[in-house]
C-alpha atoms as a PDB file:
ATOM      1  CA  MET A   1     -46.570 -79.359 -14.515  1.00  0.00           C
ATOM      2  CA  LYS A   2     -45.250 -76.026 -15.728  1.00  0.00           C
ATOM      3  CA  GLN A   3     -47.661 -74.243 -13.391  1.00  0.00           C
ATOM      4  CA  LYS A   4     -46.185 -76.028 -10.324  1.00  0.00           C
ATOM      5  CA  ARG A   5     -42.633 -75.300 -11.463  1.00  0.00           C
ATOM      6  CA  ILE A   6     -43.400 -71.570 -11.912  1.00  0.00           C
ATOM      7  CA  SER A   7     -45.121 -71.309  -8.536  1.00  0.00           C
ATOM      8  CA  LYS A   8     -42.169 -73.057  -6.827  1.00  0.00           C
ATOM      9  CA  LEU A   9     -39.726 -70.749  -8.599  1.00  0.00           C
ATOM     10  CA  LEU A  10     -41.721 -67.670  -7.563  1.00  0.00           C
ATOM     11  CA  GLY A  11     -41.857 -68.958  -3.994  1.00  0.00           C
ATOM     12  CA  LEU A  12     -38.085 -69.426  -3.897  1.00  0.00           C
ATOM     13  CA  VAL A  13     -37.453 -65.989  -5.411  1.00  0.00           C
ATOM     14  CA  GLY A  14     -39.829 -64.392  -2.919  1.00  0.00           C
ATOM     15  CA  ALA A  15     -38.178 -66.147   0.042  1.00  0.00           C
ATOM     16  CA  ALA A  16     -34.736 -65.094  -1.209  1.00  0.00           C
ATOM     17  CA  ALA A  17     -35.873 -61.486  -1.600  1.00  0.00           C
ATOM     18  CA  LEU A  18     -37.300 -61.434   1.932  1.00  0.00           C
ATOM     19  CA  SER A  19     -34.147 -62.920   3.459  1.00  0.00           C
ATOM     20  CA  VAL A  20     -31.902 -60.426   1.625  1.00  0.00           C
ATOM     21  CA  GLY A  21     -34.169 -57.569   2.733  1.00  0.00           C
ATOM     22  CA  MET A  22     -33.962 -58.775   6.329  1.00  0.00           C
ATOM     23  CA  PHE A  23     -30.153 -58.623   6.318  1.00  0.00           C
ATOM     24  CA  LEU A  24     -29.980 -55.235   4.608  1.00  0.00           C
ATOM     25  CA  CYS A  25     -32.643 -53.557   6.738  1.00  0.00           C
ATOM     26  CA  PRO A  26     -31.078 -50.905   9.058  1.00  0.00           C
ATOM     27  CA  THR A  27     -33.503 -51.674  11.888  1.00  0.00           C
ATOM     28  CA  THR A  28     -31.759 -54.997  12.497  1.00  0.00           C
ATOM     29  CA  MET A  29     -28.730 -53.010  13.730  1.00  0.00           C
ATOM     30  CA  LEU A  30     -30.602 -50.818  16.220  1.00  0.00           C
ATOM     31  CA  PRO A  31     -30.780 -53.281  19.135  1.00  0.00           C
ATOM     32  CA  ALA A  32     -27.022 -53.913  18.898  1.00  0.00           C
ATOM     33  CA  GLN A  33     -26.322 -50.173  19.041  1.00  0.00           C
ATOM     34  CA  ALA A  34     -28.719 -49.641  21.928  1.00  0.00           C
ATOM     35  CA  ALA A  35     -27.181 -52.502  23.912  1.00  0.00           C
ATOM     36  CA  THR A  36     -23.721 -50.944  23.941  1.00  0.00           C
ATOM     37  CA  SER A  37     -23.067 -48.391  26.656  1.00  0.00           C
ATOM     38  CA  SER A  38     -20.074 -46.636  28.135  1.00  0.00           C
ATOM     39  CA  GLU A  39     -19.674 -45.667  31.757  1.00  0.00           C
ATOM     40  CA  GLY A  40     -18.862 -42.044  30.933  1.00  0.00           C
ATOM     41  CA  VAL A  41     -22.266 -41.304  29.399  1.00  0.00           C
ATOM     42  CA  ALA A  42     -25.026 -40.156  31.767  1.00  0.00           C
ATOM     43  CA  MET A  43     -28.465 -41.658  31.471  1.00  0.00           C
ATOM     44  CA  PRO A  44     -30.841 -39.334  29.639  1.00  0.00           C
ATOM     45  CA  TYR A  45     -33.491 -39.693  32.333  1.00  0.00           C
ATOM     46  CA  SER A  46     -31.293 -39.174  35.380  1.00  0.00           C
ATOM     47  CA  ASP A  47     -32.249 -36.514  37.915  1.00  0.00           C
ATOM     48  CA  ILE A  48     -30.372 -33.221  38.115  1.00  0.00           C
ATOM     49  CA  ILE A  49     -29.212 -32.826  41.731  1.00  0.00           C
ATOM     50  CA  LYS A  50     -27.030 -29.920  42.852  1.00  0.00           C
ATOM     51  CA  TRP A  51     -26.090 -28.131  46.080  1.00  0.00           C
ATOM     52  CA  ARG A  52     -28.076 -25.036  47.133  1.00  0.00           C
ATOM     53  CA  TYR A  53     -26.570 -22.621  49.657  1.00  0.00           C
ATOM     54  CA  PHE A  54     -28.263 -20.457  52.290  1.00  0.00           C
ATOM     55  CA  ALA A  55     -26.798 -17.798  54.589  1.00  0.00           C
ATOM     56  CA  TYR A  56     -28.501 -17.266  57.952  1.00  0.00           C
ATOM     57  CA  GLU A  57     -27.253 -15.281  60.958  1.00  0.00           C
ATOM     58  CA  GLY A  58     -23.648 -15.199  59.759  1.00  0.00           C
ATOM     59  CA  LYS A  59     -23.438 -18.910  58.891  1.00  0.00           C
ATOM     60  CA  ILE A  60     -23.535 -20.717  55.541  1.00  0.00           C
ATOM     61  CA  TYR A  61     -25.597 -23.899  55.120  1.00  0.00           C
ATOM     62  CA  LYS A  62     -26.001 -26.206  52.117  1.00  0.00           C
ATOM     63  CA  CYS A  63     -28.554 -28.814  51.051  1.00  0.00           C
ATOM     64  CA  LEU A  64     -28.993 -30.973  47.956  1.00  0.00           C
ATOM     65  CA  TYR A  65     -31.832 -29.934  45.642  1.00  0.00           C
ATOM     66  CA  ASN A  66     -33.389 -32.094  42.925  1.00  0.00           C
ATOM     67  CA  TYR A  67     -34.096 -29.749  40.006  1.00  0.00           C
ATOM     68  CA  SER A  68     -35.959 -32.473  38.087  1.00  0.00           C
ATOM     69  CA  THR A  69     -38.629 -32.997  40.764  1.00  0.00           C
ATOM     70  CA  GLY A  70     -38.349 -29.692  42.662  1.00  0.00           C
ATOM     71  CA  ASN A  71     -37.706 -31.417  46.007  1.00  0.00           C
ATOM     72  CA  TRP A  72     -35.036 -31.046  48.675  1.00  0.00           C
ATOM     73  CA  VAL A  73     -32.807 -34.085  49.218  1.00  0.00           C
ATOM     74  CA  GLY A  74     -31.578 -34.628  52.765  1.00  0.00           C
ATOM     75  CA  GLU A  75     -31.028 -32.087  55.528  1.00  0.00           C
ATOM     76  CA  TRP A  76     -29.312 -28.697  55.669  1.00  0.00           C
ATOM     77  CA  VAL A  77     -25.611 -29.030  56.533  1.00  0.00           C
ATOM     78  CA  TYR A  78     -23.509 -26.334  58.230  1.00  0.00           C
ATOM     79  CA  VAL A  79     -20.583 -25.271  56.002  1.00  0.00           C
ATOM     80  CA  ARG A  80     -18.788 -22.383  57.780  1.00  0.00           C
ATOM     81  CA  ASP A  81     -19.154 -18.910  59.202  1.00  0.00           C
ATOM     82  CA  LEU A  82     -19.378 -15.982  56.836  1.00  0.00           C
ATOM     83  CA  PRO A  83     -16.192 -13.899  56.569  1.00  0.00           C
ATOM     84  CA  GLU A  84     -16.122 -10.711  58.619  1.00  0.00           C
ATOM     85  CA  GLY A  85     -17.603  -7.710  56.824  1.00  0.00           C
ATOM     86  CA  SER A  86     -19.407  -9.635  54.064  1.00  0.00           C
ATOM     87  CA  ASP A  87     -22.897  -8.461  53.108  1.00  0.00           C
ATOM     88  CA  ILE A  88     -24.911 -11.435  51.927  1.00  0.00           C
END
């Protein structure tokens, strides 16, 4: 009889210790932190795309360039004529 009572008591203590450990574990808070996002923060895996400029026969052209993949995005677009007397 005492053996059953001790094993039940140990089982209850073990279950209580596991449930307390589950609530105090810091990994239970990680999904809640990861789920929150703000619109001002850029995604860490977003591509880096910027304008590249090119001067040809007195005219300036621009085209988007993806620095992450090393590819051109879109077509070259005429911007304006170079100013008189500029050496580019």
